[in-house]
Amino acid sequence: MRERQVVFNWDVQGTLAADLTRTFSLPEPFIVTHAGGTAANDSSATLALSGGATIAAAAIGDSGAFLFAEPTSEQHVAALTVVTATLDYDGASGTAAAGGVEIIVVCQTAS
């Protein structure tokens, strides 16, 4: 079998005024190796994954510097399982992500 990496990338311009939710799936089994993001400003935004792969809410990077989180254990996700990435735009009622936000989720397949 041949492993390959699949990268999901979402780029959102402007100041966020509500949480951002994106979903993804793959036609083959996979694991999420890490997820993260950045905002152009010094925000309090957090990113979490749920569904077949879980990453608890973790801070994203600020001022264009990426900050990544990894699952606490290797979580095998079945083919066609929908995983949800949720960006809490202001964390715990802190500063909203602004000036452009980028979210990246990296997955590893085994086929």
N, C-alpha and C. Protein backbone atom coordinates (compact mmCIF):
# COMPACT_ATOMS: atom_id res chain seq x y z
N MET A 1 0.82 -1.19 0.00
CA MET A 1 0.00 0.00 0.00
C MET A 1 0.86 1.25 0.00
N ARG A 2 0.33 2.27 -0.59
CA ARG A 2 1.05 3.54 -0.69
C ARG A 2 0.32 4.60 0.14
N GLU A 3 1.03 5.20 1.07
CA GLU A 3 0.44 6.27 1.86
C GLU A 3 0.47 7.57 1.08
N ARG A 4 -0.49 8.43 1.35
CA ARG A 4 -0.45 9.76 0.76
C ARG A 4 -1.04 10.76 1.73
N GLN A 5 -0.62 11.99 1.61
CA GLN A 5 -1.15 13.06 2.43
C GLN A 5 -2.20 13.83 1.65
N VAL A 6 -3.26 14.20 2.35
CA VAL A 6 -4.31 15.02 1.75
C VAL A 6 -4.45 16.25 2.64
N VAL A 7 -4.41 17.42 2.03
CA VAL A 7 -4.49 18.67 2.79
C VAL A 7 -5.78 19.40 2.42
N PHE A 8 -6.56 19.73 3.43
CA PHE A 8 -7.75 20.56 3.26
C PHE A 8 -7.39 21.95 3.74
N ASN A 9 -7.71 22.97 2.92
CA ASN A 9 -7.33 24.34 3.23
C ASN A 9 -8.52 25.26 2.98
N TRP A 10 -8.83 26.08 3.97
CA TRP A 10 -9.90 27.07 3.84
C TRP A 10 -9.31 28.43 4.15
N ASP A 11 -9.56 29.39 3.29
CA ASP A 11 -9.07 30.75 3.44
C ASP A 11 -10.28 31.68 3.46
N VAL A 12 -10.43 32.42 4.56
CA VAL A 12 -11.58 33.31 4.73
C VAL A 12 -11.07 34.72 4.95
N GLN A 13 -11.52 35.65 4.13
CA GLN A 13 -11.08 37.04 4.23
C GLN A 13 -12.03 37.85 5.10
N GLY A 14 -11.51 38.92 5.70
CA GLY A 14 -12.33 39.83 6.49
C GLY A 14 -12.36 39.45 7.96
N THR A 15 -13.17 40.17 8.71
CA THR A 15 -13.33 39.93 10.14
C THR A 15 -14.50 38.98 10.35
N LEU A 16 -14.28 37.91 11.11
CA LEU A 16 -15.35 36.95 11.36
C LEU A 16 -16.30 37.48 12.43
N ALA A 17 -17.59 37.29 12.23
CA ALA A 17 -18.60 37.73 13.19
C ALA A 17 -19.40 36.54 13.71
N ALA A 18 -19.06 35.35 13.27
CA ALA A 18 -19.74 34.13 13.72
C ALA A 18 -18.78 32.96 13.53
N ASP A 19 -19.08 31.85 14.21
CA ASP A 19 -18.25 30.66 14.07
C ASP A 19 -18.29 30.17 12.62
N LEU A 20 -17.23 29.53 12.21
CA LEU A 20 -17.09 29.02 10.85
C LEU A 20 -17.02 27.50 10.92
N THR A 21 -17.86 26.82 10.16
CA THR A 21 -17.88 25.35 10.15
C THR A 21 -17.65 24.86 8.73
N ARG A 22 -16.73 23.91 8.59
CA ARG A 22 -16.46 23.27 7.31
C ARG A 22 -16.43 21.76 7.53
N THR A 23 -16.87 21.00 6.54
CA THR A 23 -16.84 19.55 6.63
C THR A 23 -16.01 18.96 5.51
N PHE A 24 -15.50 17.76 5.76
CA PHE A 24 -14.73 17.06 4.73
C PHE A 24 -14.82 15.56 4.97
N SER A 25 -14.54 14.81 3.92
CA SER A 25 -14.45 13.35 4.01
C SER A 25 -13.56 12.87 2.87
N LEU A 26 -13.17 11.63 2.94
CA LEU A 26 -12.35 11.02 1.89
C LEU A 26 -12.99 9.70 1.48
N PRO A 27 -12.77 9.26 0.25
CA PRO A 27 -13.37 8.01 -0.22
C PRO A 27 -12.62 6.76 0.26
N GLU A 28 -11.65 6.94 1.15
CA GLU A 28 -10.86 5.84 1.68
C GLU A 28 -10.56 6.11 3.15
N PRO A 29 -10.21 5.09 3.93
CA PRO A 29 -9.89 5.31 5.34
C PRO A 29 -8.70 6.26 5.49
N PHE A 30 -8.69 7.03 6.59
CA PHE A 30 -7.61 7.98 6.82
C PHE A 30 -7.48 8.30 8.29
N ILE A 31 -6.39 8.98 8.63
CA ILE A 31 -6.22 9.55 9.96
C ILE A 31 -5.93 11.04 9.78
N VAL A 32 -6.31 11.84 10.77
CA VAL A 32 -5.96 13.25 10.77
C VAL A 32 -4.65 13.36 11.54
N THR A 33 -3.62 13.89 10.90
CA THR A 33 -2.33 14.01 11.58
C THR A 33 -2.21 15.32 12.34
N HIS A 34 -2.76 16.40 11.82
CA HIS A 34 -2.82 17.65 12.57
C HIS A 34 -3.74 18.65 11.89
N ALA A 35 -4.15 19.63 12.67
CA ALA A 35 -5.04 20.68 12.18
C ALA A 35 -4.64 21.98 12.85
N GLY A 36 -4.82 23.06 12.14
CA GLY A 36 -4.47 24.35 12.74
C GLY A 36 -4.83 25.48 11.83
N GLY A 37 -4.35 26.65 12.20
CA GLY A 37 -4.66 27.81 11.39
C GLY A 37 -3.96 29.05 11.89
N THR A 38 -4.33 30.16 11.27
CA THR A 38 -3.77 31.45 11.65
C THR A 38 -4.78 32.54 11.31
N ALA A 39 -4.68 33.62 12.05
CA ALA A 39 -5.45 34.83 11.76
C ALA A 39 -4.45 35.95 11.57
N ALA A 40 -4.82 36.97 10.82
CA ALA A 40 -3.91 38.08 10.56
C ALA A 40 -3.71 38.95 11.79
N ASN A 41 -4.65 38.89 12.72
CA ASN A 41 -4.54 39.70 13.93
C ASN A 41 -4.21 38.84 15.14
N ASP A 42 -4.14 39.45 16.31
CA ASP A 42 -3.89 38.75 17.57
C ASP A 42 -5.26 38.34 18.13
N SER A 43 -5.80 37.22 17.65
CA SER A 43 -7.17 36.82 17.99
C SER A 43 -7.19 35.78 19.11
N SER A 44 -8.40 35.51 19.58
CA SER A 44 -8.62 34.47 20.59
C SER A 44 -9.28 33.23 19.96
N ALA A 45 -9.32 33.16 18.65
CA ALA A 45 -10.02 32.09 17.93
C ALA A 45 -9.43 30.71 18.25
N THR A 46 -10.32 29.71 18.26
CA THR A 46 -9.90 28.32 18.47
C THR A 46 -10.48 27.44 17.37
N LEU A 47 -9.81 26.32 17.11
CA LEU A 47 -10.23 25.36 16.10
C LEU A 47 -10.43 24.01 16.76
N ALA A 48 -11.53 23.33 16.42
CA ALA A 48 -11.80 21.99 16.94
C ALA A 48 -12.28 21.10 15.80
N LEU A 49 -12.00 19.79 15.91
CA LEU A 49 -12.51 18.81 14.96
C LEU A 49 -13.43 17.85 15.68
N SER A 50 -14.50 17.44 14.99
CA SER A 50 -15.41 16.45 15.56
C SER A 50 -15.89 15.54 14.43
N GLY A 51 -16.53 14.47 14.81
CA GLY A 51 -16.97 13.47 13.83
C GLY A 51 -16.07 12.27 13.97
N GLY A 52 -15.53 11.78 12.89
CA GLY A 52 -14.66 10.61 12.93
C GLY A 52 -13.32 10.87 13.59
N ALA A 53 -12.87 12.11 13.59
CA ALA A 53 -11.60 12.48 14.23
C ALA A 53 -11.88 13.62 15.19
N THR A 54 -11.25 13.58 16.36
CA THR A 54 -11.51 14.60 17.37
C THR A 54 -10.23 15.30 17.79
N ILE A 55 -10.27 16.62 17.75
CA ILE A 55 -9.23 17.46 18.33
C ILE A 55 -9.98 18.50 19.15
N ALA A 56 -9.66 18.57 20.44
CA ALA A 56 -10.30 19.55 21.31
C ALA A 56 -9.95 20.96 20.85
N ALA A 57 -10.79 21.92 21.21
CA ALA A 57 -10.57 23.31 20.82
C ALA A 57 -9.16 23.75 21.18
N ALA A 58 -8.43 24.23 20.19
CA ALA A 58 -7.05 24.67 20.37
C ALA A 58 -6.88 26.03 19.70
N ALA A 59 -6.05 26.86 20.28
CA ALA A 59 -5.81 28.19 19.72
C ALA A 59 -5.20 28.09 18.33
N ILE A 60 -5.55 29.04 17.48
CA ILE A 60 -4.88 29.14 16.19
C ILE A 60 -3.79 30.20 16.32
N GLY A 61 -2.89 30.24 15.34
CA GLY A 61 -1.80 31.20 15.37
C GLY A 61 -2.25 32.62 15.10
N ASP A 62 -1.39 33.55 15.41
CA ASP A 62 -1.69 34.97 15.22
C ASP A 62 -0.69 35.60 14.27
N SER A 63 -1.10 36.69 13.66
CA SER A 63 -0.23 37.50 12.80
C SER A 63 0.42 36.69 11.69
N GLY A 64 -0.33 35.72 11.14
CA GLY A 64 0.16 34.94 10.02
C GLY A 64 1.02 33.75 10.39
N ALA A 65 1.30 33.53 11.68
CA ALA A 65 2.11 32.38 12.12
C ALA A 65 1.16 31.22 12.44
N PHE A 66 1.36 30.08 11.79
CA PHE A 66 0.49 28.94 12.01
C PHE A 66 0.76 28.27 13.35
N LEU A 67 -0.32 27.78 13.97
CA LEU A 67 -0.23 27.00 15.18
C LEU A 67 -1.05 25.75 14.94
N PHE A 68 -0.44 24.57 15.11
CA PHE A 68 -1.11 23.31 14.82
C PHE A 68 -1.35 22.50 16.08
N ALA A 69 -2.43 21.72 16.07
CA ALA A 69 -2.75 20.78 17.15
C ALA A 69 -2.78 19.39 16.55
N GLU A 70 -2.48 18.40 17.37
CA GLU A 70 -2.52 17.00 16.93
C GLU A 70 -3.52 16.24 17.78
N PRO A 71 -4.13 15.20 17.22
CA PRO A 71 -5.02 14.37 18.04
C PRO A 71 -4.23 13.75 19.19
N THR A 72 -4.89 13.50 20.32
CA THR A 72 -4.19 12.89 21.46
C THR A 72 -3.87 11.43 21.21
N SER A 73 -4.57 10.80 20.26
CA SER A 73 -4.27 9.42 19.87
C SER A 73 -4.56 9.27 18.39
N GLU A 74 -4.00 8.23 17.78
CA GLU A 74 -4.25 8.00 16.36
C GLU A 74 -5.68 7.52 16.18
N GLN A 75 -6.46 8.28 15.44
CA GLN A 75 -7.87 7.97 15.26
C GLN A 75 -8.12 7.60 13.80
N HIS A 76 -8.43 6.33 13.58
CA HIS A 76 -8.71 5.86 12.23
C HIS A 76 -10.13 6.23 11.85
N VAL A 77 -10.27 6.89 10.72
CA VAL A 77 -11.57 7.36 10.25
C VAL A 77 -11.97 6.51 9.04
N ALA A 78 -13.17 5.97 9.09
CA ALA A 78 -13.66 5.13 7.99
C ALA A 78 -13.90 5.96 6.74
N ALA A 79 -13.81 5.32 5.60
CA ALA A 79 -14.08 5.98 4.32
C ALA A 79 -15.46 6.63 4.35
N LEU A 80 -15.56 7.80 3.77
CA LEU A 80 -16.79 8.57 3.61
C LEU A 80 -17.38 9.10 4.92
N THR A 81 -16.65 8.99 6.03
CA THR A 81 -17.10 9.57 7.29
C THR A 81 -16.88 11.08 7.23
N VAL A 82 -17.89 11.83 7.62
CA VAL A 82 -17.79 13.29 7.59
C VAL A 82 -17.14 13.79 8.88
N VAL A 83 -16.10 14.58 8.73
CA VAL A 83 -15.42 15.22 9.85
C VAL A 83 -15.74 16.72 9.77
N THR A 84 -16.01 17.32 10.91
CA THR A 84 -16.37 18.73 10.97
C THR A 84 -15.25 19.52 11.64
N ALA A 85 -14.81 20.58 10.96
CA ALA A 85 -13.84 21.53 11.52
C ALA A 85 -14.63 22.78 11.92
N THR A 86 -14.54 23.17 13.20
CA THR A 86 -15.26 24.35 13.68
C THR A 86 -14.28 25.37 14.22
N LEU A 87 -14.32 26.56 13.64
CA LEU A 87 -13.51 27.67 14.12
C LEU A 87 -14.40 28.56 14.97
N ASP A 88 -14.10 28.63 16.27
CA ASP A 88 -14.81 29.54 17.17
C ASP A 88 -14.13 30.89 16.98
N TYR A 89 -14.80 31.80 16.32
CA TYR A 89 -14.18 33.03 15.82
C TYR A 89 -13.57 33.91 16.89
N ASP A 90 -14.06 33.80 18.15
CA ASP A 90 -13.49 34.65 19.21
C ASP A 90 -13.13 33.86 20.47
N GLY A 91 -12.98 32.54 20.34
CA GLY A 91 -12.63 31.73 21.51
C GLY A 91 -13.68 31.89 22.59
N ALA A 92 -13.26 32.14 23.80
CA ALA A 92 -14.18 32.33 24.93
C ALA A 92 -14.51 33.82 25.07
N SER A 93 -15.21 34.35 24.07
CA SER A 93 -15.61 35.76 24.04
C SER A 93 -14.43 36.72 24.10
N GLY A 94 -13.38 36.36 23.39
CA GLY A 94 -12.19 37.21 23.31
C GLY A 94 -12.20 38.04 22.04
N THR A 95 -11.03 38.20 21.44
CA THR A 95 -10.88 39.00 20.23
C THR A 95 -11.20 38.17 19.00
N ALA A 96 -12.08 38.68 18.14
CA ALA A 96 -12.47 37.97 16.92
C ALA A 96 -11.31 37.89 15.93
N ALA A 97 -11.23 36.78 15.21
CA ALA A 97 -10.24 36.63 14.15
C ALA A 97 -10.56 37.62 13.04
N ALA A 98 -9.55 38.31 12.56
CA ALA A 98 -9.79 39.36 11.55
C ALA A 98 -8.64 39.42 10.56
N GLY A 99 -8.93 40.09 9.43
CA GLY A 99 -7.90 40.35 8.43
C GLY A 99 -7.52 39.16 7.60
N GLY A 100 -8.28 38.10 7.69
CA GLY A 100 -7.98 36.89 6.93
C GLY A 100 -7.62 35.75 7.86
N VAL A 101 -8.30 34.63 7.67
CA VAL A 101 -8.09 33.44 8.49
C VAL A 101 -7.81 32.27 7.54
N GLU A 102 -6.84 31.45 7.88
CA GLU A 102 -6.56 30.26 7.09
C GLU A 102 -6.58 29.05 8.02
N ILE A 103 -7.29 28.01 7.59
CA ILE A 103 -7.39 26.77 8.34
C ILE A 103 -6.84 25.66 7.47
N ILE A 104 -6.02 24.80 8.09
CA ILE A 104 -5.44 23.67 7.37
C ILE A 104 -5.65 22.40 8.18
N VAL A 105 -6.13 21.33 7.52
CA VAL A 105 -6.25 20.02 8.14
C VAL A 105 -5.47 19.04 7.27
N VAL A 106 -4.54 18.30 7.87
CA VAL A 106 -3.71 17.35 7.13
C VAL A 106 -4.12 15.92 7.51
N CYS A 107 -4.39 15.12 6.48
CA CYS A 107 -4.81 13.74 6.67
C CYS A 107 -3.81 12.79 6.00
N GLN A 108 -3.76 11.56 6.50
CA GLN A 108 -2.87 10.54 5.94
C GLN A 108 -3.72 9.33 5.57
N THR A 109 -3.61 8.86 4.34
CA THR A 109 -4.33 7.66 3.90
C THR A 109 -3.34 6.51 3.85
N ALA A 110 -3.85 5.30 3.69
CA ALA A 110 -2.99 4.13 3.64
C ALA A 110 -3.15 3.38 2.34
N SER A 111 -3.71 4.02 1.32
CA SER A 111 -3.88 3.29 0.05
C SER A 111 -3.33 4.09 -1.10
